[in-house]
Amino acid sequence: MKKFVLSLLAACTIAAASPVMAQNAPAAAAAPKADIPHRVGLIDMAEVFQGYKKFEDLRNALQAEIEKSDADAKIMIEKMQKVQAELNEQKFTPGSPQFEQAEKTLLQHKSDFEAFRAATQRKLARRESEMFKVIYSDTTKAVSLYADYAKYTVVMRFDRKDIDENTPPAEAVQRMNKQVVFHRTSDDITDVVLGYLNKEYAKTGGSAAGAAQAVRPVSNTVNK
């Protein structure tokens, strides 16, 4: 009986203290924070890349390097062909000093060419990867700035091209599979971002040399 009375007193004490605890609880716990309304923006990344002057300059610079590498490779091939022609025309006796020297020269040229080709392929692949990385970094930074400015909570990639009578059948089927079926024109931020990127790039002088430099921080605001 005594234990029952003590338990009853403890229960009454907790019940009496509960209103006080509720009054002292933080206001945030009583009223959950309101969710931020979502606003979805859309961007055609392919069109941004195609219209970004910096991407064009970087691509032209890469193409010039490819052409130079092709010219160097052509010279090396011509050297091999010349030595091979000497072997055929002179008709050196196999095993003779002249034959062995010509064969050694030819093998050296072939080895140099294979090493040059492998190194060039690695270098050009790395340059191409860096080019896309730079352009993607520029674009995502601009998207982030404009999303903060225009209060977008999500920005998705999409293809803004529609199907018309001139669309090839295979391309039409591909476009019918795109994720965004309908969107408001105001939610397409492609032109805003592209215009900003080209304006910022023009400030650097708009040259391939400037484009090849490291990505510099973009401005703090993107205006419509």
N, C-alpha and C. Protein backbone atom coordinates (compact mmCIF):
# COMPACT_ATOMS: atom_id res chain seq x y z
N MET A 1 0.83 -1.21 0.00
CA MET A 1 0.00 0.00 0.00
C MET A 1 0.85 1.24 0.00
N LYS A 2 1.94 1.22 0.76
CA LYS A 2 2.83 2.37 0.84
C LYS A 2 3.47 2.62 -0.52
N LYS A 3 3.88 1.51 -1.22
CA LYS A 3 4.49 1.67 -2.54
C LYS A 3 3.49 2.25 -3.53
N PHE A 4 2.24 1.87 -3.42
CA PHE A 4 1.21 2.38 -4.32
C PHE A 4 1.04 3.87 -4.13
N VAL A 5 1.04 4.33 -2.88
CA VAL A 5 0.86 5.76 -2.58
C VAL A 5 2.03 6.56 -3.14
N LEU A 6 3.26 6.02 -2.99
CA LEU A 6 4.44 6.72 -3.52
C LEU A 6 4.39 6.81 -5.04
N SER A 7 3.95 5.75 -5.68
CA SER A 7 3.82 5.76 -7.14
C SER A 7 2.80 6.78 -7.57
N LEU A 8 1.70 6.87 -6.85
CA LEU A 8 0.65 7.83 -7.17
C LEU A 8 1.15 9.25 -7.01
N LEU A 9 1.92 9.52 -5.95
CA LEU A 9 2.48 10.85 -5.74
C LEU A 9 3.47 11.22 -6.85
N ALA A 10 4.28 10.24 -7.29
CA ALA A 10 5.24 10.50 -8.35
C ALA A 10 4.52 10.83 -9.65
N ALA A 11 3.43 10.12 -9.93
CA ALA A 11 2.67 10.38 -11.15
C ALA A 11 2.07 11.77 -11.12
N CYS A 12 1.54 12.17 -9.94
CA CYS A 12 0.95 13.51 -9.82
C CYS A 12 2.02 14.59 -10.00
N THR A 13 3.22 14.33 -9.47
CA THR A 13 4.30 15.31 -9.59
C THR A 13 4.68 15.51 -11.04
N ILE A 14 4.81 14.41 -11.82
CA ILE A 14 5.16 14.49 -13.25
C ILE A 14 4.07 15.21 -14.03
N ALA A 15 2.80 14.90 -13.72
CA ALA A 15 1.68 15.54 -14.41
C ALA A 15 1.67 17.03 -14.16
N ALA A 16 2.00 17.42 -12.93
CA ALA A 16 2.00 18.84 -12.60
C ALA A 16 3.16 19.55 -13.26
N ALA A 17 4.25 18.85 -13.47
CA ALA A 17 5.42 19.48 -14.06
C ALA A 17 5.31 19.58 -15.57
N SER A 18 4.50 18.77 -16.19
CA SER A 18 4.41 18.73 -17.65
C SER A 18 4.05 20.06 -18.27
N PRO A 19 3.02 20.82 -17.75
CA PRO A 19 2.71 22.12 -18.34
C PRO A 19 3.90 23.08 -18.29
N VAL A 20 4.66 23.01 -17.21
CA VAL A 20 5.82 23.90 -17.10
C VAL A 20 6.85 23.55 -18.15
N MET A 21 7.11 22.25 -18.37
CA MET A 21 8.07 21.81 -19.37
C MET A 21 7.62 22.21 -20.76
N ALA A 22 6.32 22.11 -21.01
CA ALA A 22 5.80 22.50 -22.32
C ALA A 22 5.99 23.98 -22.57
N GLN A 23 5.82 24.80 -21.50
CA GLN A 23 5.99 26.24 -21.65
C GLN A 23 7.44 26.60 -21.93
N ASN A 24 8.37 25.82 -21.35
CA ASN A 24 9.78 26.11 -21.54
C ASN A 24 10.36 25.53 -22.83
N ALA A 25 9.60 24.71 -23.57
CA ALA A 25 10.11 24.10 -24.80
C ALA A 25 10.32 25.18 -25.85
N PRO A 26 11.33 25.03 -26.72
CA PRO A 26 11.58 26.00 -27.78
C PRO A 26 10.38 26.14 -28.70
N ALA A 27 10.17 27.33 -29.23
CA ALA A 27 9.03 27.57 -30.12
C ALA A 27 9.16 26.77 -31.41
N ALA A 28 10.41 26.53 -31.86
CA ALA A 28 10.62 25.80 -33.11
C ALA A 28 10.11 24.38 -33.01
N ALA A 29 10.17 23.81 -31.82
CA ALA A 29 9.70 22.44 -31.66
C ALA A 29 8.18 22.38 -31.75
N ALA A 30 7.50 23.44 -31.31
CA ALA A 30 6.04 23.45 -31.35
C ALA A 30 5.52 23.69 -32.76
N ALA A 31 6.25 24.53 -33.55
CA ALA A 31 5.79 24.86 -34.90
C ALA A 31 6.86 24.44 -35.91
N PRO A 32 6.63 23.37 -36.67
CA PRO A 32 7.62 22.92 -37.66
C PRO A 32 7.88 23.99 -38.71
N LYS A 33 9.15 24.03 -39.18
CA LYS A 33 9.55 25.03 -40.17
C LYS A 33 8.84 24.78 -41.49
N ALA A 34 8.36 25.86 -42.10
CA ALA A 34 7.65 25.73 -43.37
C ALA A 34 8.62 25.33 -44.48
N ASP A 35 8.19 24.42 -45.38
CA ASP A 35 9.02 23.99 -46.49
C ASP A 35 9.17 25.10 -47.52
N ILE A 36 10.36 25.17 -48.12
CA ILE A 36 10.60 26.14 -49.19
C ILE A 36 9.94 25.62 -50.46
N PRO A 37 9.10 26.40 -51.13
CA PRO A 37 8.44 25.93 -52.35
C PRO A 37 9.47 25.65 -53.44
N HIS A 38 9.29 24.56 -54.14
CA HIS A 38 10.23 24.17 -55.19
C HIS A 38 9.94 24.94 -56.48
N ARG A 39 11.03 25.30 -57.17
CA ARG A 39 10.91 25.92 -58.49
C ARG A 39 11.96 25.27 -59.37
N VAL A 40 11.52 24.65 -60.46
CA VAL A 40 12.41 23.88 -61.31
C VAL A 40 12.80 24.68 -62.54
N GLY A 41 14.11 24.78 -62.78
CA GLY A 41 14.62 25.42 -63.98
C GLY A 41 15.16 24.37 -64.94
N LEU A 42 15.22 24.70 -66.22
CA LEU A 42 15.68 23.77 -67.25
C LEU A 42 16.79 24.42 -68.07
N ILE A 43 17.78 23.62 -68.48
CA ILE A 43 18.87 24.14 -69.30
C ILE A 43 19.28 23.10 -70.34
N ASP A 44 19.44 23.57 -71.55
CA ASP A 44 19.92 22.72 -72.65
C ASP A 44 21.44 22.83 -72.68
N MET A 45 22.13 21.89 -72.05
CA MET A 45 23.58 21.95 -71.93
C MET A 45 24.26 21.85 -73.29
N ALA A 46 23.70 21.06 -74.19
CA ALA A 46 24.29 20.92 -75.53
C ALA A 46 24.29 22.25 -76.26
N GLU A 47 23.21 23.00 -76.13
CA GLU A 47 23.13 24.30 -76.79
C GLU A 47 24.07 25.31 -76.14
N VAL A 48 24.24 25.22 -74.83
CA VAL A 48 25.18 26.11 -74.14
C VAL A 48 26.59 25.85 -74.64
N PHE A 49 26.97 24.58 -74.72
CA PHE A 49 28.31 24.24 -75.20
C PHE A 49 28.53 24.74 -76.63
N GLN A 50 27.52 24.55 -77.48
CA GLN A 50 27.66 24.94 -78.88
C GLN A 50 27.74 26.46 -79.04
N GLY A 51 27.05 27.18 -78.18
CA GLY A 51 27.00 28.63 -78.32
C GLY A 51 28.02 29.38 -77.48
N TYR A 52 28.75 28.68 -76.62
CA TYR A 52 29.73 29.32 -75.75
C TYR A 52 31.00 29.59 -76.55
N LYS A 53 31.36 30.87 -76.68
CA LYS A 53 32.52 31.26 -77.49
C LYS A 53 33.81 30.66 -76.94
N LYS A 54 33.91 30.53 -75.65
CA LYS A 54 35.11 29.95 -75.04
C LYS A 54 35.29 28.50 -75.47
N PHE A 55 34.19 27.76 -75.55
CA PHE A 55 34.26 26.37 -76.00
C PHE A 55 34.72 26.30 -77.45
N GLU A 56 34.22 27.22 -78.27
CA GLU A 56 34.63 27.27 -79.67
C GLU A 56 36.13 27.55 -79.80
N ASP A 57 36.63 28.49 -79.02
CA ASP A 57 38.06 28.82 -79.07
C ASP A 57 38.92 27.66 -78.59
N LEU A 58 38.50 27.02 -77.50
CA LEU A 58 39.26 25.88 -77.00
C LEU A 58 39.25 24.73 -78.00
N ARG A 59 38.12 24.53 -78.64
CA ARG A 59 38.01 23.46 -79.63
C ARG A 59 38.89 23.75 -80.85
N ASN A 60 38.93 25.03 -81.27
CA ASN A 60 39.78 25.41 -82.40
C ASN A 60 41.26 25.24 -82.04
N ALA A 61 41.61 25.58 -80.80
CA ALA A 61 43.00 25.41 -80.36
C ALA A 61 43.38 23.94 -80.35
N LEU A 62 42.46 23.09 -79.90
CA LEU A 62 42.71 21.66 -79.89
C LEU A 62 42.84 21.12 -81.31
N GLN A 63 41.99 21.61 -82.21
CA GLN A 63 42.05 21.18 -83.61
C GLN A 63 43.38 21.57 -84.24
N ALA A 64 43.87 22.78 -83.91
CA ALA A 64 45.16 23.22 -84.43
C ALA A 64 46.29 22.31 -83.93
N GLU A 65 46.20 21.88 -82.68
CA GLU A 65 47.21 20.98 -82.13
C GLU A 65 47.13 19.62 -82.79
N ILE A 66 45.92 19.17 -83.10
CA ILE A 66 45.77 17.89 -83.80
C ILE A 66 46.39 17.96 -85.18
N GLU A 67 46.15 19.06 -85.88
CA GLU A 67 46.70 19.23 -87.22
C GLU A 67 48.22 19.28 -87.19
N LYS A 68 48.78 19.94 -86.17
CA LYS A 68 50.24 20.00 -86.05
C LYS A 68 50.81 18.61 -85.78
N SER A 69 50.12 17.84 -84.93
CA SER A 69 50.57 16.48 -84.64
C SER A 69 50.49 15.61 -85.89
N ASP A 70 49.45 15.81 -86.69
CA ASP A 70 49.32 15.06 -87.94
C ASP A 70 50.46 15.40 -88.90
N ALA A 71 50.83 16.69 -88.94
CA ALA A 71 51.93 17.10 -89.81
C ALA A 71 53.25 16.49 -89.36
N ASP A 72 53.47 16.47 -88.04
CA ASP A 72 54.69 15.85 -87.51
C ASP A 72 54.71 14.35 -87.79
N ALA A 73 53.56 13.72 -87.66
CA ALA A 73 53.48 12.28 -87.93
C ALA A 73 53.73 12.00 -89.41
N LYS A 74 53.26 12.89 -90.27
CA LYS A 74 53.47 12.71 -91.71
C LYS A 74 54.96 12.76 -92.05
N ILE A 75 55.69 13.68 -91.40
CA ILE A 75 57.14 13.78 -91.64
C ILE A 75 57.84 12.49 -91.20
N MET A 76 57.43 11.95 -90.07
CA MET A 76 58.04 10.72 -89.57
C MET A 76 57.75 9.55 -90.50
N ILE A 77 56.53 9.51 -91.03
CA ILE A 77 56.16 8.43 -91.95
C ILE A 77 56.98 8.54 -93.24
N GLU A 78 57.16 9.78 -93.71
CA GLU A 78 57.95 9.99 -94.92
C GLU A 78 59.39 9.53 -94.73
N LYS A 79 59.94 9.73 -93.55
CA LYS A 79 61.30 9.26 -93.27
C LYS A 79 61.37 7.74 -93.34
N MET A 80 60.37 7.07 -92.78
CA MET A 80 60.33 5.61 -92.83
C MET A 80 60.21 5.12 -94.26
N GLN A 81 59.37 5.79 -95.04
CA GLN A 81 59.18 5.39 -96.42
C GLN A 81 60.47 5.58 -97.24
N LYS A 82 61.20 6.64 -96.91
CA LYS A 82 62.45 6.90 -97.62
C LYS A 82 63.48 5.81 -97.34
N VAL A 83 63.62 5.42 -96.08
CA VAL A 83 64.56 4.36 -95.72
C VAL A 83 64.13 3.03 -96.34
N GLN A 84 62.83 2.76 -96.34
CA GLN A 84 62.32 1.53 -96.93
C GLN A 84 62.60 1.50 -98.43
N ALA A 85 62.45 2.66 -99.08
CA ALA A 85 62.73 2.73 -100.51
C ALA A 85 64.21 2.49 -100.79
N GLU A 86 65.08 2.99 -99.92
CA GLU A 86 66.52 2.77 -100.09
C GLU A 86 66.84 1.27 -99.98
N LEU A 87 66.20 0.63 -99.04
CA LEU A 87 66.42 -0.82 -98.90
C LEU A 87 66.00 -1.57 -100.16
N ASN A 88 64.87 -1.13 -100.74
CA ASN A 88 64.36 -1.81 -101.93
C ASN A 88 65.19 -1.49 -103.18
N GLU A 89 65.61 -0.23 -103.29
CA GLU A 89 66.32 0.20 -104.49
C GLU A 89 67.79 -0.25 -104.49
N GLN A 90 68.43 -0.09 -103.36
CA GLN A 90 69.85 -0.43 -103.29
C GLN A 90 70.10 -1.94 -103.31
N LYS A 91 69.10 -2.68 -102.93
CA LYS A 91 69.20 -4.14 -102.90
C LYS A 91 70.44 -4.59 -102.14
N PHE A 92 70.49 -4.06 -100.90
CA PHE A 92 71.61 -4.45 -100.05
C PHE A 92 71.54 -5.94 -99.77
N THR A 93 72.70 -6.54 -99.66
CA THR A 93 72.76 -7.96 -99.33
C THR A 93 72.41 -8.14 -97.86
N PRO A 94 71.39 -8.97 -97.56
CA PRO A 94 71.05 -9.20 -96.15
C PRO A 94 72.27 -9.65 -95.35
N GLY A 95 72.50 -8.98 -94.25
CA GLY A 95 73.63 -9.30 -93.40
C GLY A 95 74.82 -8.39 -93.63
N SER A 96 74.79 -7.63 -94.74
CA SER A 96 75.88 -6.69 -95.02
C SER A 96 75.78 -5.49 -94.08
N PRO A 97 76.90 -4.78 -93.86
CA PRO A 97 76.86 -3.59 -92.99
C PRO A 97 75.85 -2.55 -93.46
N GLN A 98 75.75 -2.35 -94.80
CA GLN A 98 74.81 -1.37 -95.32
C GLN A 98 73.36 -1.78 -95.03
N PHE A 99 73.08 -3.07 -95.21
CA PHE A 99 71.72 -3.57 -94.95
C PHE A 99 71.38 -3.44 -93.47
N GLU A 100 72.29 -3.82 -92.62
CA GLU A 100 72.03 -3.76 -91.19
C GLU A 100 71.85 -2.33 -90.71
N GLN A 101 72.64 -1.41 -91.28
CA GLN A 101 72.50 0.00 -90.89
C GLN A 101 71.17 0.56 -91.34
N ALA A 102 70.77 0.26 -92.57
CA ALA A 102 69.49 0.75 -93.08
C ALA A 102 68.32 0.15 -92.30
N GLU A 103 68.43 -1.15 -91.98
CA GLU A 103 67.38 -1.81 -91.21
C GLU A 103 67.30 -1.24 -89.80
N LYS A 104 68.44 -0.96 -89.21
CA LYS A 104 68.47 -0.37 -87.87
C LYS A 104 67.83 1.02 -87.88
N THR A 105 68.13 1.80 -88.92
CA THR A 105 67.55 3.14 -89.05
C THR A 105 66.03 3.05 -89.20
N LEU A 106 65.59 2.09 -90.02
CA LEU A 106 64.14 1.93 -90.23
C LEU A 106 63.44 1.53 -88.94
N LEU A 107 64.01 0.60 -88.21
CA LEU A 107 63.41 0.16 -86.95
C LEU A 107 63.38 1.30 -85.92
N GLN A 108 64.40 2.14 -85.93
CA GLN A 108 64.43 3.28 -85.02
C GLN A 108 63.33 4.27 -85.36
N HIS A 109 63.16 4.52 -86.66
CA HIS A 109 62.09 5.43 -87.10
C HIS A 109 60.72 4.89 -86.70
N LYS A 110 60.53 3.59 -86.87
CA LYS A 110 59.25 2.98 -86.50
C LYS A 110 59.01 3.08 -84.99
N SER A 111 60.06 2.84 -84.22
CA SER A 111 59.93 2.94 -82.76
C SER A 111 59.60 4.36 -82.34
N ASP A 112 60.29 5.35 -82.96
CA ASP A 112 60.03 6.76 -82.64
C ASP A 112 58.59 7.14 -83.01
N PHE A 113 58.12 6.62 -84.15
CA PHE A 113 56.76 6.94 -84.59
C PHE A 113 55.72 6.36 -83.64
N GLU A 114 55.89 5.12 -83.22
CA GLU A 114 54.94 4.48 -82.31
C GLU A 114 54.91 5.21 -80.97
N ALA A 115 56.08 5.60 -80.47
CA ALA A 115 56.13 6.33 -79.21
C ALA A 115 55.47 7.69 -79.34
N PHE A 116 55.72 8.36 -80.47
CA PHE A 116 55.12 9.67 -80.72
C PHE A 116 53.60 9.56 -80.80
N ARG A 117 53.11 8.55 -81.51
CA ARG A 117 51.67 8.38 -81.67
C ARG A 117 50.99 8.10 -80.34
N ALA A 118 51.58 7.24 -79.53
CA ALA A 118 50.98 6.91 -78.23
C ALA A 118 50.97 8.13 -77.31
N ALA A 119 52.09 8.86 -77.27
CA ALA A 119 52.17 10.04 -76.41
C ALA A 119 51.20 11.13 -76.88
N THR A 120 51.08 11.28 -78.20
CA THR A 120 50.18 12.29 -78.75
C THR A 120 48.73 11.97 -78.44
N GLN A 121 48.36 10.71 -78.57
CA GLN A 121 46.98 10.30 -78.26
C GLN A 121 46.64 10.57 -76.81
N ARG A 122 47.58 10.27 -75.90
CA ARG A 122 47.34 10.53 -74.48
C ARG A 122 47.21 12.03 -74.21
N LYS A 123 48.10 12.80 -74.83
CA LYS A 123 48.08 14.25 -74.60
C LYS A 123 46.80 14.89 -75.13
N LEU A 124 46.38 14.51 -76.34
CA LEU A 124 45.18 15.10 -76.92
C LEU A 124 43.92 14.66 -76.16
N ALA A 125 43.89 13.42 -75.71
CA ALA A 125 42.75 12.95 -74.92
C ALA A 125 42.67 13.72 -73.61
N ARG A 126 43.82 13.98 -73.00
CA ARG A 126 43.85 14.75 -71.75
C ARG A 126 43.40 16.19 -71.99
N ARG A 127 43.86 16.77 -73.10
CA ARG A 127 43.46 18.14 -73.43
C ARG A 127 41.95 18.23 -73.67
N GLU A 128 41.40 17.25 -74.36
CA GLU A 128 39.96 17.24 -74.63
C GLU A 128 39.18 17.12 -73.33
N SER A 129 39.64 16.23 -72.44
CA SER A 129 38.98 16.06 -71.15
C SER A 129 39.03 17.34 -70.33
N GLU A 130 40.17 18.01 -70.32
CA GLU A 130 40.31 19.26 -69.58
C GLU A 130 39.41 20.34 -70.18
N MET A 131 39.28 20.35 -71.50
CA MET A 131 38.44 21.32 -72.18
C MET A 131 36.98 21.20 -71.71
N PHE A 132 36.46 19.97 -71.73
CA PHE A 132 35.08 19.76 -71.31
C PHE A 132 34.91 20.06 -69.81
N LYS A 133 35.92 19.76 -69.03
CA LYS A 133 35.87 20.03 -67.60
C LYS A 133 35.77 21.53 -67.34
N VAL A 134 36.56 22.32 -68.08
CA VAL A 134 36.55 23.78 -67.92
C VAL A 134 35.19 24.35 -68.30
N ILE A 135 34.65 23.91 -69.43
CA ILE A 135 33.37 24.44 -69.90
C ILE A 135 32.24 24.02 -68.96
N TYR A 136 32.27 22.78 -68.50
CA TYR A 136 31.24 22.32 -67.57
C TYR A 136 31.31 23.08 -66.25
N SER A 137 32.52 23.34 -65.78
CA SER A 137 32.69 24.09 -64.54
C SER A 137 32.15 25.51 -64.69
N ASP A 138 32.48 26.16 -65.80
CA ASP A 138 31.96 27.51 -66.07
C ASP A 138 30.43 27.50 -66.05
N THR A 139 29.86 26.53 -66.75
CA THR A 139 28.40 26.49 -66.91
C THR A 139 27.70 26.23 -65.58
N THR A 140 28.17 25.28 -64.80
CA THR A 140 27.51 24.96 -63.53
C THR A 140 27.63 26.11 -62.53
N LYS A 141 28.75 26.83 -62.57
CA LYS A 141 28.88 27.99 -61.70
C LYS A 141 27.86 29.07 -62.08
N ALA A 142 27.71 29.30 -63.38
CA ALA A 142 26.74 30.29 -63.84
C ALA A 142 25.32 29.85 -63.50
N VAL A 143 25.02 28.58 -63.65
CA VAL A 143 23.70 28.05 -63.31
C VAL A 143 23.42 28.26 -61.82
N SER A 144 24.41 27.97 -61.00
CA SER A 144 24.24 28.13 -59.55
C SER A 144 23.97 29.58 -59.18
N LEU A 145 24.69 30.50 -59.78
CA LEU A 145 24.49 31.92 -59.50
C LEU A 145 23.09 32.38 -59.91
N TYR A 146 22.67 31.97 -61.12
CA TYR A 146 21.36 32.40 -61.59
C TYR A 146 20.24 31.72 -60.80
N ALA A 147 20.45 30.46 -60.40
CA ALA A 147 19.44 29.76 -59.59
C ALA A 147 19.24 30.49 -58.26
N ASP A 148 20.31 30.95 -57.65
CA ASP A 148 20.18 31.72 -56.40
C ASP A 148 19.46 33.03 -56.65
N TYR A 149 19.78 33.67 -57.77
CA TYR A 149 19.17 34.97 -58.09
C TYR A 149 17.67 34.83 -58.37
N ALA A 150 17.30 33.82 -59.17
CA ALA A 150 15.91 33.66 -59.60
C ALA A 150 15.11 32.72 -58.71
N LYS A 151 15.72 32.24 -57.61
CA LYS A 151 15.03 31.40 -56.63
C LYS A 151 14.63 30.03 -57.20
N TYR A 152 15.50 29.46 -58.03
CA TYR A 152 15.27 28.08 -58.47
C TYR A 152 15.87 27.14 -57.44
N THR A 153 15.13 26.10 -57.08
CA THR A 153 15.65 25.12 -56.13
C THR A 153 16.24 23.91 -56.83
N VAL A 154 15.84 23.67 -58.09
CA VAL A 154 16.35 22.55 -58.88
C VAL A 154 16.53 23.01 -60.31
N VAL A 155 17.65 22.63 -60.95
CA VAL A 155 17.88 22.90 -62.37
C VAL A 155 18.22 21.58 -63.04
N MET A 156 17.44 21.22 -64.07
CA MET A 156 17.60 19.95 -64.76
C MET A 156 18.04 20.17 -66.20
N ARG A 157 18.79 19.19 -66.72
CA ARG A 157 19.16 19.22 -68.13
C ARG A 157 17.97 18.76 -68.98
N PHE A 158 17.82 19.38 -70.16
CA PHE A 158 16.78 18.92 -71.07
C PHE A 158 17.14 19.32 -72.49
N ASP A 159 16.40 18.79 -73.46
CA ASP A 159 16.58 19.11 -74.87
C ASP A 159 15.45 20.04 -75.27
N ARG A 160 15.78 21.27 -75.59
CA ARG A 160 14.73 22.25 -75.88
C ARG A 160 14.19 22.13 -77.31
N LYS A 161 14.78 21.32 -78.16
CA LYS A 161 14.33 21.19 -79.54
C LYS A 161 13.02 20.41 -79.59
N ASP A 162 12.10 20.88 -80.41
CA ASP A 162 10.82 20.21 -80.60
C ASP A 162 10.82 19.42 -81.91
N ILE A 163 9.81 18.60 -82.08
CA ILE A 163 9.66 17.81 -83.31
C ILE A 163 8.85 18.61 -84.32
N ASP A 164 9.36 18.69 -85.56
CA ASP A 164 8.61 19.33 -86.63
C ASP A 164 8.70 18.48 -87.89
N GLU A 165 8.19 19.02 -89.00
CA GLU A 165 8.15 18.21 -90.23
C GLU A 165 9.54 17.92 -90.80
N ASN A 166 10.55 18.71 -90.37
CA ASN A 166 11.91 18.51 -90.88
C ASN A 166 12.75 17.59 -89.99
N THR A 167 12.18 17.13 -88.90
CA THR A 167 12.93 16.27 -87.99
C THR A 167 13.05 14.86 -88.57
N PRO A 168 14.29 14.33 -88.71
CA PRO A 168 14.46 12.95 -89.21
C PRO A 168 13.76 11.96 -88.28
N PRO A 169 13.22 10.88 -88.84
CA PRO A 169 12.48 9.91 -88.02
C PRO A 169 13.26 9.40 -86.82
N ALA A 170 14.53 9.03 -87.02
CA ALA A 170 15.31 8.48 -85.91
C ALA A 170 15.48 9.53 -84.81
N GLU A 171 15.69 10.78 -85.20
CA GLU A 171 15.84 11.85 -84.20
C GLU A 171 14.52 12.15 -83.52
N ALA A 172 13.41 12.02 -84.27
CA ALA A 172 12.09 12.25 -83.69
C ALA A 172 11.79 11.24 -82.59
N VAL A 173 12.14 9.97 -82.84
CA VAL A 173 11.93 8.93 -81.84
C VAL A 173 12.75 9.23 -80.59
N GLN A 174 13.97 9.69 -80.79
CA GLN A 174 14.84 10.02 -79.66
C GLN A 174 14.26 11.17 -78.83
N ARG A 175 13.72 12.18 -79.51
CA ARG A 175 13.16 13.33 -78.80
C ARG A 175 11.87 12.97 -78.07
N MET A 176 11.14 11.99 -78.59
CA MET A 176 9.92 11.57 -77.90
C MET A 176 10.21 10.89 -76.58
N ASN A 177 11.45 10.44 -76.41
CA ASN A 177 11.84 9.77 -75.17
C ASN A 177 12.43 10.73 -74.14
N LYS A 178 12.44 12.02 -74.44
CA LYS A 178 13.03 12.98 -73.50
C LYS A 178 12.17 13.08 -72.25
N GLN A 179 12.82 13.40 -71.14
CA GLN A 179 12.15 13.39 -69.84
C GLN A 179 11.15 14.54 -69.70
N VAL A 180 11.49 15.72 -70.17
CA VAL A 180 10.61 16.88 -70.01
C VAL A 180 9.63 16.93 -71.17
N VAL A 181 8.36 16.68 -70.88
CA VAL A 181 7.33 16.68 -71.91
C VAL A 181 6.73 18.07 -72.09
N PHE A 182 6.61 18.81 -71.00
CA PHE A 182 6.06 20.17 -71.05
C PHE A 182 6.83 21.05 -70.09
N HIS A 183 7.02 22.31 -70.49
CA HIS A 183 7.67 23.28 -69.59
C HIS A 183 7.22 24.68 -69.99
N ARG A 184 7.27 25.56 -69.02
CA ARG A 184 7.00 26.96 -69.31
C ARG A 184 8.26 27.60 -69.87
N THR A 185 8.08 28.53 -70.80
CA THR A 185 9.22 29.20 -71.42
C THR A 185 10.07 29.90 -70.37
N SER A 186 9.44 30.43 -69.35
CA SER A 186 10.17 31.17 -68.31
C SER A 186 11.08 30.27 -67.49
N ASP A 187 10.84 28.95 -67.52
CA ASP A 187 11.67 28.02 -66.76
C ASP A 187 12.91 27.56 -67.53
N ASP A 188 13.00 27.94 -68.82
CA ASP A 188 14.17 27.60 -69.63
C ASP A 188 15.20 28.71 -69.44
N ILE A 189 16.29 28.39 -68.72
CA ILE A 189 17.31 29.40 -68.40
C ILE A 189 18.52 29.29 -69.33
N THR A 190 18.39 28.55 -70.42
CA THR A 190 19.52 28.33 -71.32
C THR A 190 20.08 29.64 -71.86
N ASP A 191 19.22 30.50 -72.39
CA ASP A 191 19.68 31.75 -73.02
C ASP A 191 20.31 32.68 -72.00
N VAL A 192 19.74 32.72 -70.80
CA VAL A 192 20.29 33.60 -69.75
C VAL A 192 21.70 33.17 -69.38
N VAL A 193 21.87 31.87 -69.16
CA VAL A 193 23.18 31.35 -68.77
C VAL A 193 24.19 31.52 -69.89
N LEU A 194 23.78 31.22 -71.13
CA LEU A 194 24.68 31.34 -72.27
C LEU A 194 25.11 32.79 -72.49
N GLY A 195 24.15 33.71 -72.38
CA GLY A 195 24.48 35.12 -72.54
C GLY A 195 25.46 35.59 -71.48
N TYR A 196 25.27 35.13 -70.26
CA TYR A 196 26.18 35.51 -69.17
C TYR A 196 27.57 34.96 -69.40
N LEU A 197 27.66 33.70 -69.82
CA LEU A 197 28.97 33.08 -70.05
C LEU A 197 29.75 33.82 -71.13
N ASN A 198 29.08 34.14 -72.23
CA ASN A 198 29.77 34.85 -73.32
C ASN A 198 30.16 36.26 -72.91
N LYS A 199 29.33 36.89 -72.09
CA LYS A 199 29.67 38.24 -71.62
C LYS A 199 30.89 38.20 -70.71
N GLU A 200 30.94 37.23 -69.81
CA GLU A 200 32.08 37.09 -68.92
C GLU A 200 33.34 36.72 -69.68
N TYR A 201 33.20 35.87 -70.69
CA TYR A 201 34.37 35.46 -71.47
C TYR A 201 34.91 36.63 -72.29
N ALA A 202 34.01 37.47 -72.79
CA ALA A 202 34.44 38.64 -73.57
C ALA A 202 35.31 39.57 -72.73
N LYS A 203 35.05 39.60 -71.42
CA LYS A 203 35.85 40.45 -70.53
C LYS A 203 37.31 40.00 -70.46
N THR A 204 37.58 38.72 -70.76
CA THR A 204 38.94 38.19 -70.71
C THR A 204 39.70 38.45 -72.00
N GLY A 205 39.03 39.03 -73.00
CA GLY A 205 39.67 39.25 -74.29
C GLY A 205 39.18 38.28 -75.34
N GLY A 206 38.52 37.22 -74.92
CA GLY A 206 37.91 36.28 -75.86
C GLY A 206 38.89 35.65 -76.82
N SER A 207 39.99 35.12 -76.32
CA SER A 207 40.98 34.49 -77.18
C SER A 207 41.23 33.06 -76.72
N ALA A 208 41.79 32.26 -77.63
CA ALA A 208 42.09 30.87 -77.28
C ALA A 208 43.13 30.81 -76.17
N ALA A 209 44.06 31.77 -76.19
CA ALA A 209 45.09 31.80 -75.15
C ALA A 209 44.47 32.05 -73.78
N GLY A 210 43.51 33.00 -73.76
CA GLY A 210 42.82 33.27 -72.50
C GLY A 210 41.96 32.12 -72.06
N ALA A 211 41.36 31.42 -73.03
CA ALA A 211 40.50 30.28 -72.70
C ALA A 211 41.30 29.14 -72.11
N ALA A 212 42.54 29.03 -72.52
CA ALA A 212 43.37 27.92 -72.05
C ALA A 212 43.84 28.11 -70.62
N GLN A 213 43.68 29.33 -70.09
CA GLN A 213 44.09 29.58 -68.71
C GLN A 213 43.14 28.90 -67.74
N ALA A 214 43.55 28.83 -66.48
CA ALA A 214 42.69 28.21 -65.46
C ALA A 214 41.40 28.98 -65.32
N VAL A 215 40.36 28.28 -64.88
CA VAL A 215 39.05 28.90 -64.73
C VAL A 215 39.12 29.93 -63.63
N ARG A 216 38.78 31.14 -63.94
CA ARG A 216 38.80 32.20 -62.90
C ARG A 216 37.43 32.26 -62.25
N PRO A 217 37.35 32.72 -61.01
CA PRO A 217 36.05 32.82 -60.32
C PRO A 217 35.11 33.74 -61.08
N VAL A 218 33.85 33.35 -61.18
CA VAL A 218 32.86 34.17 -61.87
C VAL A 218 32.32 35.21 -60.90
N SER A 219 31.53 36.15 -61.42
CA SER A 219 30.99 37.22 -60.62
C SER A 219 30.00 36.69 -59.59
N ASN A 220 29.58 37.54 -58.69
CA ASN A 220 28.68 37.12 -57.61
C ASN A 220 27.21 37.18 -58.00
N THR A 221 26.89 37.77 -59.14
CA THR A 221 25.48 37.89 -59.53
C THR A 221 25.35 37.59 -61.01
N VAL A 222 24.20 37.04 -61.38
CA VAL A 222 23.84 36.82 -62.76
C VAL A 222 22.51 37.51 -62.99
N ASN A 223 22.48 38.52 -63.81
CA ASN A 223 21.25 39.28 -64.03
C ASN A 223 20.51 38.75 -65.24
N LYS A 224 19.24 39.00 -65.26
CA LYS A 224 18.43 38.58 -66.41
C LYS A 224 18.80 39.42 -67.62
